[in-house]
Amino acid sequence: ELDLLLEAIFRLRGFDFRHYLRSSLRRRVRHRMSLEKLPTISA
């Protein structure tokens, strides 16, 4: 799910986070999921 999310960001805006540390990205993604009240990265 995280791979697909990062690929979508790259294709949509050209921001390439595919080689950022995964531990840091996961924390930020989960933070956004919590704020948006979403159960999964796919959501």
PDB file of all heavy atoms in Angstrom:
ATOM      1  N   GLU A   1       0.833  -1.212   0.000  1.00  0.00           N
ATOM      2  CA  GLU A   1       0.000   0.000   0.000  1.00  0.00           C
ATOM      3  C   GLU A   1       0.869   1.263   0.000  1.00  0.00           C
ATOM      4  O   GLU A   1       0.586   2.234  -0.714  1.00  0.00           O
ATOM      5  CB  GLU A   1      -0.901   0.003   1.232  1.00  0.00           C
ATOM      6  CG  GLU A   1      -2.022  -1.016   1.206  1.00  0.00           C
ATOM      7  CD  GLU A   1      -2.841  -0.958   2.475  1.00  0.00           C
ATOM      8  OE1 GLU A   1      -2.239  -1.023   3.569  1.00  0.00           O
ATOM      9  OE2 GLU A   1      -4.069  -0.850   2.378  1.00  0.00           O
ATOM     10  N   LEU A   2       1.928   1.242   0.819  1.00  0.00           N
ATOM     11  CA  LEU A   2       2.820   2.401   0.887  1.00  0.00           C
ATOM     12  C   LEU A   2       3.534   2.610  -0.444  1.00  0.00           C
ATOM     13  O   LEU A   2       3.686   3.747  -0.907  1.00  0.00           O
ATOM     14  CB  LEU A   2       3.825   2.213   2.022  1.00  0.00           C
ATOM     15  CG  LEU A   2       4.758   3.389   2.325  1.00  0.00           C
ATOM     16  CD1 LEU A   2       3.974   4.663   2.597  1.00  0.00           C
ATOM     17  CD2 LEU A   2       5.665   3.067   3.509  1.00  0.00           C
ATOM     18  N   ASP A   3       3.975   1.504  -1.080  1.00  0.00           N
ATOM     19  CA  ASP A   3       4.592   1.611  -2.412  1.00  0.00           C
ATOM     20  C   ASP A   3       3.650   2.298  -3.397  1.00  0.00           C
ATOM     21  O   ASP A   3       4.064   3.178  -4.162  1.00  0.00           O
ATOM     22  CB  ASP A   3       4.948   0.218  -2.944  1.00  0.00           C
ATOM     23  CG  ASP A   3       6.158  -0.391  -2.255  1.00  0.00           C
ATOM     24  OD1 ASP A   3       6.944   0.360  -1.653  1.00  0.00           O
ATOM     25  OD2 ASP A   3       6.316  -1.627  -2.322  1.00  0.00           O
ATOM     26  N   LEU A   4       2.396   1.884  -3.390  1.00  0.00           N
ATOM     27  CA  LEU A   4       1.418   2.446  -4.328  1.00  0.00           C
ATOM     28  C   LEU A   4       1.158   3.925  -4.031  1.00  0.00           C
ATOM     29  O   LEU A   4       1.012   4.736  -4.951  1.00  0.00           O
ATOM     30  CB  LEU A   4       0.115   1.648  -4.247  1.00  0.00           C
ATOM     31  CG  LEU A   4       0.188   0.201  -4.744  1.00  0.00           C
ATOM     32  CD1 LEU A   4      -1.120  -0.532  -4.448  1.00  0.00           C
ATOM     33  CD2 LEU A   4       0.501   0.154  -6.238  1.00  0.00           C
ATOM     34  N   LEU A   5       1.110   4.267  -2.754  1.00  0.00           N
ATOM     35  CA  LEU A   5       0.896   5.665  -2.374  1.00  0.00           C
ATOM     36  C   LEU A   5       2.052   6.542  -2.846  1.00  0.00           C
ATOM     37  O   LEU A   5       1.843   7.617  -3.433  1.00  0.00           O
ATOM     38  CB  LEU A   5       0.733   5.769  -0.855  1.00  0.00           C
ATOM     39  CG  LEU A   5       0.592   7.189  -0.282  1.00  0.00           C
ATOM     40  CD1 LEU A   5      -0.669   7.862  -0.804  1.00  0.00           C
ATOM     41  CD2 LEU A   5       0.584   7.148   1.245  1.00  0.00           C
ATOM     42  N   LEU A   6       3.283   6.099  -2.620  1.00  0.00           N
ATOM     43  CA  LEU A   6       4.450   6.878  -3.027  1.00  0.00           C
ATOM     44  C   LEU A   6       4.544   6.982  -4.542  1.00  0.00           C
ATOM     45  O   LEU A   6       4.944   8.023  -5.082  1.00  0.00           O
ATOM     46  CB  LEU A   6       5.720   6.248  -2.449  1.00  0.00           C
ATOM     47  CG  LEU A   6       5.795   6.161  -0.921  1.00  0.00           C
ATOM     48  CD1 LEU A   6       7.108   5.520  -0.491  1.00  0.00           C
ATOM     49  CD2 LEU A   6       5.626   7.528  -0.279  1.00  0.00           C
ATOM     50  N   GLU A   7       4.183   5.911  -5.245  1.00  0.00           N
ATOM     51  CA  GLU A   7       4.177   5.942  -6.706  1.00  0.00           C
ATOM     52  C   GLU A   7       3.137   6.935  -7.222  1.00  0.00           C
ATOM     53  O   GLU A   7       3.387   7.681  -8.180  1.00  0.00           O
ATOM     54  CB  GLU A   7       3.892   4.544  -7.264  1.00  0.00           C
ATOM     55  CG  GLU A   7       3.983   4.437  -8.769  1.00  0.00           C
ATOM     56  CD  GLU A   7       5.395   4.624  -9.299  1.00  0.00           C
ATOM     57  OE1 GLU A   7       6.358   4.323  -8.554  1.00  0.00           O
ATOM     58  OE2 GLU A   7       5.538   5.063 -10.466  1.00  0.00           O
ATOM     59  N   ALA A   8       1.984   6.968  -6.589  1.00  0.00           N
ATOM     60  CA  ALA A   8       0.943   7.910  -6.984  1.00  0.00           C
ATOM     61  C   ALA A   8       1.388   9.356  -6.784  1.00  0.00           C
ATOM     62  O   ALA A   8       1.161  10.218  -7.646  1.00  0.00           O
ATOM     63  CB  ALA A   8      -0.338   7.633  -6.181  1.00  0.00           C
ATOM     64  N   ILE A   9       2.035   9.630  -5.653  1.00  0.00           N
ATOM     65  CA  ILE A   9       2.532  10.986  -5.390  1.00  0.00           C
ATOM     66  C   ILE A   9       3.543  11.394  -6.456  1.00  0.00           C
ATOM     67  O   ILE A   9       3.513  12.523  -6.968  1.00  0.00           O
ATOM     68  CB  ILE A   9       3.162  11.056  -3.985  1.00  0.00           C
ATOM     69  CG1 ILE A   9       2.088  10.878  -2.906  1.00  0.00           C
ATOM     70  CG2 ILE A   9       3.903  12.378  -3.780  1.00  0.00           C
ATOM     71  CD1 ILE A   9       2.643  10.730  -1.506  1.00  0.00           C
ATOM     72  N   PHE A  10       4.432  10.462  -6.803  1.00  0.00           N
ATOM     73  CA  PHE A  10       5.453  10.761  -7.815  1.00  0.00           C
ATOM     74  C   PHE A  10       4.808  11.044  -9.173  1.00  0.00           C
ATOM     75  O   PHE A  10       5.174  12.002  -9.868  1.00  0.00           O
ATOM     76  CB  PHE A  10       6.431   9.600  -7.923  1.00  0.00           C
ATOM     77  CG  PHE A  10       7.501   9.796  -8.955  1.00  0.00           C
ATOM     78  CD1 PHE A  10       8.424  10.832  -8.843  1.00  0.00           C
ATOM     79  CD2 PHE A  10       7.571   8.962 -10.061  1.00  0.00           C
ATOM     80  CE1 PHE A  10       9.410  11.029  -9.808  1.00  0.00           C
ATOM     81  CE2 PHE A  10       8.553   9.147 -11.030  1.00  0.00           C
ATOM     82  CZ  PHE A  10       9.470  10.177 -10.891  1.00  0.00           C
ATOM     83  N   ARG A  11       3.835  10.251  -9.566  1.00  0.00           N
ATOM     84  CA  ARG A  11       3.200  10.433 -10.880  1.00  0.00           C
ATOM     85  C   ARG A  11       2.335  11.688 -10.931  1.00  0.00           C
ATOM     86  O   ARG A  11       2.267  12.360 -11.960  1.00  0.00           O
ATOM     87  CB  ARG A  11       2.359   9.205 -11.228  1.00  0.00           C
ATOM     88  CG  ARG A  11       3.177   7.950 -11.474  1.00  0.00           C
ATOM     89  CD  ARG A  11       2.336   6.872 -12.135  1.00  0.00           C
ATOM     90  NE  ARG A  11       3.062   5.618 -12.282  1.00  0.00           N
ATOM     91  CZ  ARG A  11       2.618   4.595 -12.984  1.00  0.00           C
ATOM     92  NH1 ARG A  11       1.448   4.667 -13.602  1.00  0.00           N
ATOM     93  NH2 ARG A  11       3.324   3.483 -13.058  1.00  0.00           N
ATOM     94  N   LEU A  12       1.690  11.997  -9.818  1.00  0.00           N
ATOM     95  CA  LEU A  12       0.799  13.148  -9.793  1.00  0.00           C
ATOM     96  C   LEU A  12       1.540  14.470  -9.707  1.00  0.00           C
ATOM     97  O   LEU A  12       1.172  15.450 -10.361  1.00  0.00           O
ATOM     98  CB  LEU A  12      -0.173  13.029  -8.614  1.00  0.00           C
ATOM     99  CG  LEU A  12      -1.255  11.951  -8.717  1.00  0.00           C
ATOM    100  CD1 LEU A  12      -1.974  11.811  -7.386  1.00  0.00           C
ATOM    101  CD2 LEU A  12      -2.254  12.292  -9.819  1.00  0.00           C
ATOM    102  N   ARG A  13       2.601  14.528  -8.876  1.00  0.00           N
ATOM    103  CA  ARG A  13       3.253  15.808  -8.590  1.00  0.00           C
ATOM    104  C   ARG A  13       4.762  15.812  -8.841  1.00  0.00           C
ATOM    105  O   ARG A  13       5.375  16.869  -8.766  1.00  0.00           O
ATOM    106  CB  ARG A  13       2.988  16.211  -7.141  1.00  0.00           C
ATOM    107  CG  ARG A  13       1.533  16.568  -6.877  1.00  0.00           C
ATOM    108  CD  ARG A  13       1.116  17.810  -7.657  1.00  0.00           C
ATOM    109  NE  ARG A  13      -0.288  18.106  -7.448  1.00  0.00           N
ATOM    110  CZ  ARG A  13      -0.759  18.773  -6.408  1.00  0.00           C
ATOM    111  NH1 ARG A  13       0.094  19.225  -5.481  1.00  0.00           N
ATOM    112  NH2 ARG A  13      -2.046  18.996  -6.285  1.00  0.00           N
ATOM    113  N   GLY A  14       5.359  14.672  -9.090  1.00  0.00           N
ATOM    114  CA  GLY A  14       6.797  14.628  -9.326  1.00  0.00           C
ATOM    115  C   GLY A  14       7.646  14.616  -8.073  1.00  0.00           C
ATOM    116  O   GLY A  14       8.874  14.664  -8.155  1.00  0.00           O
ATOM    117  N   PHE A  15       7.015  14.557  -6.902  1.00  0.00           N
ATOM    118  CA  PHE A  15       7.759  14.448  -5.650  1.00  0.00           C
ATOM    119  C   PHE A  15       8.099  12.981  -5.404  1.00  0.00           C
ATOM    120  O   PHE A  15       7.201  12.134  -5.313  1.00  0.00           O
ATOM    121  CB  PHE A  15       6.956  15.000  -4.467  1.00  0.00           C
ATOM    122  CG  PHE A  15       6.797  16.494  -4.479  1.00  0.00           C
ATOM    123  CD1 PHE A  15       5.617  17.075  -4.903  1.00  0.00           C
ATOM    124  CD2 PHE A  15       7.835  17.310  -4.065  1.00  0.00           C
ATOM    125  CE1 PHE A  15       5.461  18.453  -4.919  1.00  0.00           C
ATOM    126  CE2 PHE A  15       7.704  18.688  -4.078  1.00  0.00           C
ATOM    127  CZ  PHE A  15       6.522  19.266  -4.511  1.00  0.00           C
ATOM    128  N   ASP A  16       9.384  12.689  -5.306  1.00  0.00           N
ATOM    129  CA  ASP A  16       9.826  11.299  -5.218  1.00  0.00           C
ATOM    130  C   ASP A  16      10.249  10.955  -3.790  1.00  0.00           C
ATOM    131  O   ASP A  16      11.343  11.294  -3.355  1.00  0.00           O
ATOM    132  CB  ASP A  16      10.982  11.061  -6.182  1.00  0.00           C
ATOM    133  CG  ASP A  16      11.278   9.577  -6.370  1.00  0.00           C
ATOM    134  OD1 ASP A  16      10.671   8.760  -5.647  1.00  0.00           O
ATOM    135  OD2 ASP A  16      12.103   9.238  -7.227  1.00  0.00           O
ATOM    136  N   PHE A  17       9.354  10.272  -3.081  1.00  0.00           N
ATOM    137  CA  PHE A  17       9.651   9.835  -1.721  1.00  0.00           C
ATOM    138  C   PHE A  17       9.968   8.347  -1.671  1.00  0.00           C
ATOM    139  O   PHE A  17      10.050   7.772  -0.577  1.00  0.00           O
ATOM    140  CB  PHE A  17       8.459  10.133  -0.795  1.00  0.00           C
ATOM    141  CG  PHE A  17       8.163  11.595  -0.632  1.00  0.00           C
ATOM    142  CD1 PHE A  17       7.159  12.200  -1.356  1.00  0.00           C
ATOM    143  CD2 PHE A  17       8.904  12.366   0.248  1.00  0.00           C
ATOM    144  CE1 PHE A  17       6.882  13.548  -1.215  1.00  0.00           C
ATOM    145  CE2 PHE A  17       8.646  13.715   0.402  1.00  0.00           C
ATOM    146  CZ  PHE A  17       7.630  14.312  -0.330  1.00  0.00           C
ATOM    147  N   ARG A  18      10.163   7.736  -2.816  1.00  0.00           N
ATOM    148  CA  ARG A  18      10.333   6.282  -2.864  1.00  0.00           C
ATOM    149  C   ARG A  18      11.624   5.817  -2.229  1.00  0.00           C
ATOM    150  O   ARG A  18      11.760   4.633  -1.912  1.00  0.00           O
ATOM    151  CB  ARG A  18      10.242   5.810  -4.321  1.00  0.00           C
ATOM    152  CG  ARG A  18       8.854   6.008  -4.926  1.00  0.00           C
ATOM    153  CD  ARG A  18       8.812   5.696  -6.412  1.00  0.00           C
ATOM    154  NE  ARG A  18       9.655   6.602  -7.175  1.00  0.00           N
ATOM    155  CZ  ARG A  18       9.766   6.564  -8.506  1.00  0.00           C
ATOM    156  NH1 ARG A  18       9.077   5.676  -9.203  1.00  0.00           N
ATOM    157  NH2 ARG A  18      10.553   7.424  -9.136  1.00  0.00           N
ATOM    158  N   HIS A  19      12.584   6.740  -2.030  1.00  0.00           N
ATOM    159  CA  HIS A  19      13.849   6.373  -1.400  1.00  0.00           C
ATOM    160  C   HIS A  19      14.076   7.096  -0.070  1.00  0.00           C
ATOM    161  O   HIS A  19      15.201   7.216   0.386  1.00  0.00           O
ATOM    162  CB  HIS A  19      15.012   6.626  -2.364  1.00  0.00           C
ATOM    163  CG  HIS A  19      14.971   5.745  -3.574  1.00  0.00           C
ATOM    164  ND1 HIS A  19      15.293   4.416  -3.525  1.00  0.00           N
ATOM    165  CD2 HIS A  19      14.604   6.007  -4.853  1.00  0.00           C
ATOM    166  CE1 HIS A  19      15.149   3.891  -4.736  1.00  0.00           C
ATOM    167  NE2 HIS A  19      14.724   4.825  -5.552  1.00  0.00           N
ATOM    168  N   TYR A  20      12.996   7.599   0.507  1.00  0.00           N
ATOM    169  CA  TYR A  20      13.070   8.106   1.877  1.00  0.00           C
ATOM    170  C   TYR A  20      13.019   6.919   2.836  1.00  0.00           C
ATOM    171  O   TYR A  20      12.494   5.858   2.496  1.00  0.00           O
ATOM    172  CB  TYR A  20      11.894   9.042   2.172  1.00  0.00           C
ATOM    173  CG  TYR A  20      12.082  10.464   1.698  1.00  0.00           C
ATOM    174  CD1 TYR A  20      12.409  10.747   0.379  1.00  0.00           C
ATOM    175  CD2 TYR A  20      11.928  11.531   2.566  1.00  0.00           C
ATOM    176  CE1 TYR A  20      12.570  12.054  -0.059  1.00  0.00           C
ATOM    177  CE2 TYR A  20      12.086  12.852   2.144  1.00  0.00           C
ATOM    178  CZ  TYR A  20      12.409  13.093   0.821  1.00  0.00           C
ATOM    179  OH  TYR A  20      12.583  14.386   0.400  1.00  0.00           O
ATOM    180  N   LEU A  21      13.543   7.091   4.027  1.00  0.00           N
ATOM    181  CA  LEU A  21      13.498   6.015   5.016  1.00  0.00           C
ATOM    182  C   LEU A  21      12.055   5.633   5.326  1.00  0.00           C
ATOM    183  O   LEU A  21      11.235   6.485   5.653  1.00  0.00           O
ATOM    184  CB  LEU A  21      14.214   6.447   6.299  1.00  0.00           C
ATOM    185  CG  LEU A  21      15.742   6.478   6.270  1.00  0.00           C
ATOM    186  CD1 LEU A  21      16.264   6.856   7.647  1.00  0.00           C
ATOM    187  CD2 LEU A  21      16.325   5.144   5.849  1.00  0.00           C
ATOM    188  N   ARG A  22      11.767   4.348   5.247  1.00  0.00           N
ATOM    189  CA  ARG A  22      10.397   3.880   5.416  1.00  0.00           C
ATOM    190  C   ARG A  22       9.870   4.142   6.825  1.00  0.00           C
ATOM    191  O   ARG A  22       8.693   4.426   7.020  1.00  0.00           O
ATOM    192  CB  ARG A  22      10.318   2.385   5.075  1.00  0.00           C
ATOM    193  CG  ARG A  22      10.388   2.107   3.566  1.00  0.00           C
ATOM    194  CD  ARG A  22       9.270   2.846   2.844  1.00  0.00           C
ATOM    195  NE  ARG A  22       9.323   2.703   1.427  1.00  0.00           N
ATOM    196  CZ  ARG A  22       8.570   1.841   0.726  1.00  0.00           C
ATOM    197  NH1 ARG A  22       7.741   1.032   1.352  1.00  0.00           N
ATOM    198  NH2 ARG A  22       8.647   1.814  -0.592  1.00  0.00           N
ATOM    199  N   SER A  23      10.723   4.011   7.826  1.00  0.00           N
ATOM    200  CA  SER A  23      10.258   4.210   9.205  1.00  0.00           C
ATOM    201  C   SER A  23       9.709   5.622   9.389  1.00  0.00           C
ATOM    202  O   SER A  23       8.674   5.823  10.033  1.00  0.00           O
ATOM    203  CB  SER A  23      11.393   3.941  10.188  1.00  0.00           C
ATOM    204  OG  SER A  23      12.507   4.785   9.914  1.00  0.00           O
ATOM    205  N   SER A  24      10.387   6.613   8.803  1.00  0.00           N
ATOM    206  CA  SER A  24       9.941   7.996   8.907  1.00  0.00           C
ATOM    207  C   SER A  24       8.646   8.214   8.132  1.00  0.00           C
ATOM    208  O   SER A  24       7.716   8.873   8.617  1.00  0.00           O
ATOM    209  CB  SER A  24      11.033   8.935   8.378  1.00  0.00           C
ATOM    210  OG  SER A  24      10.610  10.278   8.426  1.00  0.00           O
ATOM    211  N   LEU A  25       8.570   7.641   6.941  1.00  0.00           N
ATOM    212  CA  LEU A  25       7.366   7.792   6.128  1.00  0.00           C
ATOM    213  C   LEU A  25       6.153   7.139   6.788  1.00  0.00           C
ATOM    214  O   LEU A  25       5.055   7.694   6.764  1.00  0.00           O
ATOM    215  CB  LEU A  25       7.598   7.185   4.745  1.00  0.00           C
ATOM    216  CG  LEU A  25       8.544   7.945   3.812  1.00  0.00           C
ATOM    217  CD1 LEU A  25       8.717   7.179   2.513  1.00  0.00           C
ATOM    218  CD2 LEU A  25       8.033   9.357   3.527  1.00  0.00           C
ATOM    219  N   ARG A  26       6.359   5.956   7.355  1.00  0.00           N
ATOM    220  CA  ARG A  26       5.240   5.266   7.994  1.00  0.00           C
ATOM    221  C   ARG A  26       4.634   6.115   9.106  1.00  0.00           C
ATOM    222  O   ARG A  26       3.407   6.187   9.262  1.00  0.00           O
ATOM    223  CB  ARG A  26       5.699   3.921   8.561  1.00  0.00           C
ATOM    224  CG  ARG A  26       5.934   2.845   7.517  1.00  0.00           C
ATOM    225  CD  ARG A  26       6.107   1.482   8.168  1.00  0.00           C
ATOM    226  NE  ARG A  26       6.880   0.598   7.314  1.00  0.00           N
ATOM    227  CZ  ARG A  26       8.186   0.379   7.435  1.00  0.00           C
ATOM    228  NH1 ARG A  26       8.872   0.966   8.410  1.00  0.00           N
ATOM    229  NH2 ARG A  26       8.816  -0.429   6.614  1.00  0.00           N
ATOM    230  N   ARG A  27       5.491   6.734   9.915  1.00  0.00           N
ATOM    231  CA  ARG A  27       4.990   7.574  11.009  1.00  0.00           C
ATOM    232  C   ARG A  27       4.134   8.715  10.468  1.00  0.00           C
ATOM    233  O   ARG A  27       3.068   9.017  11.021  1.00  0.00           O
ATOM    234  CB  ARG A  27       6.158   8.133  11.835  1.00  0.00           C
ATOM    235  CG  ARG A  27       6.842   7.129  12.732  1.00  0.00           C
ATOM    236  CD  ARG A  27       7.731   7.809  13.740  1.00  0.00           C
ATOM    237  NE  ARG A  27       8.812   8.561  13.111  1.00  0.00           N
ATOM    238  CZ  ARG A  27       9.994   8.047  12.797  1.00  0.00           C
ATOM    239  NH1 ARG A  27      10.237   6.767  13.036  1.00  0.00           N
ATOM    240  NH2 ARG A  27      10.932   8.792  12.248  1.00  0.00           N
ATOM    241  N   ARG A  28       4.593   9.334   9.394  1.00  0.00           N
ATOM    242  CA  ARG A  28       3.868  10.471   8.844  1.00  0.00           C
ATOM    243  C   ARG A  28       2.567  10.041   8.163  1.00  0.00           C
ATOM    244  O   ARG A  28       1.548  10.733   8.244  1.00  0.00           O
ATOM    245  CB  ARG A  28       4.777  11.231   7.878  1.00  0.00           C
ATOM    246  CG  ARG A  28       5.845  12.027   8.622  1.00  0.00           C
ATOM    247  CD  ARG A  28       6.982  12.498   7.744  1.00  0.00           C
ATOM    248  NE  ARG A  28       7.849  13.414   8.480  1.00  0.00           N
ATOM    249  CZ  ARG A  28       8.716  13.033   9.417  1.00  0.00           C
ATOM    250  NH1 ARG A  28       8.847  11.760   9.719  1.00  0.00           N
ATOM    251  NH2 ARG A  28       9.456  13.921  10.042  1.00  0.00           N
ATOM    252  N   VAL A  29       2.614   8.897   7.489  1.00  0.00           N
ATOM    253  CA  VAL A  29       1.405   8.373   6.852  1.00  0.00           C
ATOM    254  C   VAL A  29       0.373   8.003   7.912  1.00  0.00           C
ATOM    255  O   VAL A  29      -0.821   8.329   7.793  1.00  0.00           O
ATOM    256  CB  VAL A  29       1.739   7.161   5.965  1.00  0.00           C
ATOM    257  CG1 VAL A  29       0.469   6.414   5.559  1.00  0.00           C
ATOM    258  CG2 VAL A  29       2.500   7.613   4.716  1.00  0.00           C
ATOM    259  N   ARG A  30       0.800   7.336   8.966  1.00  0.00           N
ATOM    260  CA  ARG A  30      -0.136   6.942  10.028  1.00  0.00           C
ATOM    261  C   ARG A  30      -0.708   8.164  10.739  1.00  0.00           C
ATOM    262  O   ARG A  30      -1.872   8.168  11.156  1.00  0.00           O
ATOM    263  CB  ARG A  30       0.565   6.012  11.010  1.00  0.00           C
ATOM    264  CG  ARG A  30       0.795   4.610  10.438  1.00  0.00           C
ATOM    265  CD  ARG A  30       1.744   3.796  11.272  1.00  0.00           C
ATOM    266  NE  ARG A  30       1.964   2.470  10.685  1.00  0.00           N
ATOM    267  CZ  ARG A  30       2.977   1.679  11.002  1.00  0.00           C
ATOM    268  NH1 ARG A  30       3.868   2.077  11.898  1.00  0.00           N
ATOM    269  NH2 ARG A  30       3.108   0.493  10.422  1.00  0.00           N
ATOM    270  N   HIS A  31       0.113   9.206  10.870  1.00  0.00           N
ATOM    271  CA  HIS A  31      -0.379  10.458  11.454  1.00  0.00           C
ATOM    272  C   HIS A  31      -1.492  11.034  10.592  1.00  0.00           C
ATOM    273  O   HIS A  31      -2.549  11.448  11.110  1.00  0.00           O
ATOM    274  CB  HIS A  31       0.771  11.451  11.584  1.00  0.00           C
ATOM    275  CG  HIS A  31       0.346  12.822  12.017  1.00  0.00           C
ATOM    276  ND1 HIS A  31      -0.115  13.097  13.283  1.00  0.00           N
ATOM    277  CD2 HIS A  31       0.304  14.011  11.333  1.00  0.00           C
ATOM    278  CE1 HIS A  31      -0.414  14.378  13.380  1.00  0.00           C
ATOM    279  NE2 HIS A  31      -0.178  14.949  12.212  1.00  0.00           N
ATOM    280  N   ARG A  32      -1.301  11.064   9.279  1.00  0.00           N
ATOM    281  CA  ARG A  32      -2.327  11.582   8.377  1.00  0.00           C
ATOM    282  C   ARG A  32      -3.560  10.686   8.389  1.00  0.00           C
ATOM    283  O   ARG A  32      -4.696  11.179   8.359  1.00  0.00           O
ATOM    284  CB  ARG A  32      -1.742  11.706   6.963  1.00  0.00           C
ATOM    285  CG  ARG A  32      -2.708  12.216   5.876  1.00  0.00           C
ATOM    286  CD  ARG A  32      -3.462  13.470   6.252  1.00  0.00           C
ATOM    287  NE  ARG A  32      -2.610  14.521   6.783  1.00  0.00           N
ATOM    288  CZ  ARG A  32      -3.081  15.642   7.347  1.00  0.00           C
ATOM    289  NH1 ARG A  32      -4.386  15.824   7.468  1.00  0.00           N
ATOM    290  NH2 ARG A  32      -2.255  16.552   7.811  1.00  0.00           N
ATOM    291  N   MET A  33      -3.378   9.370   8.434  1.00  0.00           N
ATOM    292  CA  MET A  33      -4.516   8.442   8.526  1.00  0.00           C
ATOM    293  C   MET A  33      -5.333   8.706   9.781  1.00  0.00           C
ATOM    294  O   MET A  33      -6.571   8.692   9.754  1.00  0.00           O
ATOM    295  CB  MET A  33      -4.006   6.993   8.523  1.00  0.00           C
ATOM    296  CG  MET A  33      -3.481   6.506   7.186  1.00  0.00           C
ATOM    297  SD  MET A  33      -2.540   4.945   7.332  1.00  0.00           S
ATOM    298  CE  MET A  33      -3.744   3.877   8.130  1.00  0.00           C
ATOM    299  N   SER A  34      -4.650   8.974  10.886  1.00  0.00           N
ATOM    300  CA  SER A  34      -5.342   9.264  12.142  1.00  0.00           C
ATOM    301  C   SER A  34      -6.156  10.549  12.036  1.00  0.00           C
ATOM    302  O   SER A  34      -7.316  10.598  12.463  1.00  0.00           O
ATOM    303  CB  SER A  34      -4.327   9.369  13.282  1.00  0.00           C
ATOM    304  OG  SER A  34      -4.954   9.747  14.485  1.00  0.00           O
ATOM    305  N   LEU A  35      -5.569  11.580  11.455  1.00  0.00           N
ATOM    306  CA  LEU A  35      -6.270  12.855  11.314  1.00  0.00           C
ATOM    307  C   LEU A  35      -7.473  12.731  10.392  1.00  0.00           C
ATOM    308  O   LEU A  35      -8.507  13.373  10.607  1.00  0.00           O
ATOM    309  CB  LEU A  35      -5.309  13.922  10.778  1.00  0.00           C
ATOM    310  CG  LEU A  35      -4.175  14.352  11.708  1.00  0.00           C
ATOM    311  CD1 LEU A  35      -3.254  15.340  11.013  1.00  0.00           C
ATOM    312  CD2 LEU A  35      -4.727  14.958  12.998  1.00  0.00           C
ATOM    313  N   GLU A  36      -7.327  11.918   9.339  1.00  0.00           N
ATOM    314  CA  GLU A  36      -8.415  11.744   8.382  1.00  0.00           C
ATOM    315  C   GLU A  36      -9.389  10.644   8.801  1.00  0.00           C
ATOM    316  O   GLU A  36     -10.373  10.388   8.112  1.00  0.00           O
ATOM    317  CB  GLU A  36      -7.840  11.402   6.999  1.00  0.00           C
ATOM    318  CG  GLU A  36      -6.883  12.438   6.429  1.00  0.00           C
ATOM    319  CD  GLU A  36      -7.564  13.723   6.003  1.00  0.00           C
ATOM    320  OE1 GLU A  36      -8.779  13.676   5.723  1.00  0.00           O
ATOM    321  OE2 GLU A  36      -6.884  14.777   5.962  1.00  0.00           O
ATOM    322  N   LYS A  37      -9.083   9.961   9.936  1.00  0.00           N
ATOM    323  CA  LYS A  37      -9.916   8.862  10.447  1.00  0.00           C
ATOM    324  C   LYS A  37     -10.071   7.753   9.410  1.00  0.00           C
ATOM    325  O   LYS A  37     -11.189   7.317   9.081  1.00  0.00           O
ATOM    326  CB  LYS A  37     -11.277   9.386  10.905  1.00  0.00           C
ATOM    327  CG  LYS A  37     -11.194  10.363  12.080  1.00  0.00           C
ATOM    328  CD  LYS A  37     -12.561  10.857  12.490  1.00  0.00           C
ATOM    329  CE  LYS A  37     -12.511  11.655  13.785  1.00  0.00           C
ATOM    330  NZ  LYS A  37     -11.579  12.802  13.729  1.00  0.00           N
ATOM    331  N   LEU A  38      -8.928   7.270   8.917  1.00  0.00           N
ATOM    332  CA  LEU A  38      -8.907   6.241   7.878  1.00  0.00           C
ATOM    333  C   LEU A  38      -8.272   4.964   8.430  1.00  0.00           C
ATOM    334  O   LEU A  38      -7.281   5.030   9.164  1.00  0.00           O
ATOM    335  CB  LEU A  38      -8.117   6.730   6.664  1.00  0.00           C
ATOM    336  CG  LEU A  38      -8.672   7.987   5.970  1.00  0.00           C
ATOM    337  CD1 LEU A  38      -7.699   8.490   4.920  1.00  0.00           C
ATOM    338  CD2 LEU A  38     -10.041   7.699   5.366  1.00  0.00           C
ATOM    339  N   PRO A  39      -8.786   3.798   8.057  1.00  0.00           N
ATOM    340  CA  PRO A  39      -8.282   2.549   8.619  1.00  0.00           C
ATOM    341  C   PRO A  39      -7.055   1.983   7.913  1.00  0.00           C
ATOM    342  O   PRO A  39      -6.307   1.205   8.513  1.00  0.00           O
ATOM    343  CB  PRO A  39      -9.473   1.590   8.448  1.00  0.00           C
ATOM    344  CG  PRO A  39     -10.170   2.100   7.224  1.00  0.00           C
ATOM    345  CD  PRO A  39     -10.010   3.593   7.258  1.00  0.00           C
ATOM    346  N   THR A  40      -6.856   2.337   6.644  1.00  0.00           N
ATOM    347  CA  THR A  40      -5.769   1.741   5.866  1.00  0.00           C
ATOM    348  C   THR A  40      -5.092   2.787   4.985  1.00  0.00           C
ATOM    349  O   THR A  40      -5.657   3.851   4.701  1.00  0.00           O
ATOM    350  CB  THR A  40      -6.293   0.619   4.947  1.00  0.00           C
ATOM    351  OG1 THR A  40      -7.198   1.194   3.984  1.00  0.00           O
ATOM    352  CG2 THR A  40      -6.993  -0.466   5.746  1.00  0.00           C
ATOM    353  N   ILE A  41      -3.884   2.437   4.542  1.00  0.00           N
ATOM    354  CA  ILE A  41      -3.180   3.305   3.592  1.00  0.00           C
ATOM    355  C   ILE A  41      -3.932   3.353   2.269  1.00  0.00           C
ATOM    356  O   ILE A  41      -3.958   4.384   1.593  1.00  0.00           O
ATOM    357  CB  ILE A  41      -1.733   2.813   3.391  1.00  0.00           C
ATOM    358  CG1 ILE A  41      -0.959   2.892   4.710  1.00  0.00           C
ATOM    359  CG2 ILE A  41      -1.013   3.648   2.331  1.00  0.00           C
ATOM    360  CD1 ILE A  41       0.469   2.355   4.637  1.00  0.00           C
ATOM    361  N   SER A  42      -4.566   2.257   1.891  1.00  0.00           N
ATOM    362  CA  SER A  42      -5.355   2.243   0.658  1.00  0.00           C
ATOM    363  C   SER A  42      -6.485   3.270   0.710  1.00  0.00           C
ATOM    364  O   SER A  42      -6.784   3.931  -0.283  1.00  0.00           O
ATOM    365  CB  SER A  42      -5.935   0.850   0.409  1.00  0.00           C
ATOM    366  OG  SER A  42      -4.917  -0.073   0.096  1.00  0.00           O
ATOM    367  N   ALA A  43      -7.104   3.411   1.870  1.00  0.00           N
ATOM    368  CA  ALA A  43      -8.157   4.417   2.020  1.00  0.00           C
ATOM    369  C   ALA A  43      -7.578   5.822   1.871  1.00  0.00           C
ATOM    370  O   ALA A  43      -8.197   6.703   1.264  1.00  0.00           O
ATOM    371  CB  ALA A  43      -8.839   4.260   3.381  1.00  0.00           C
TER     372      ALA A  43
END
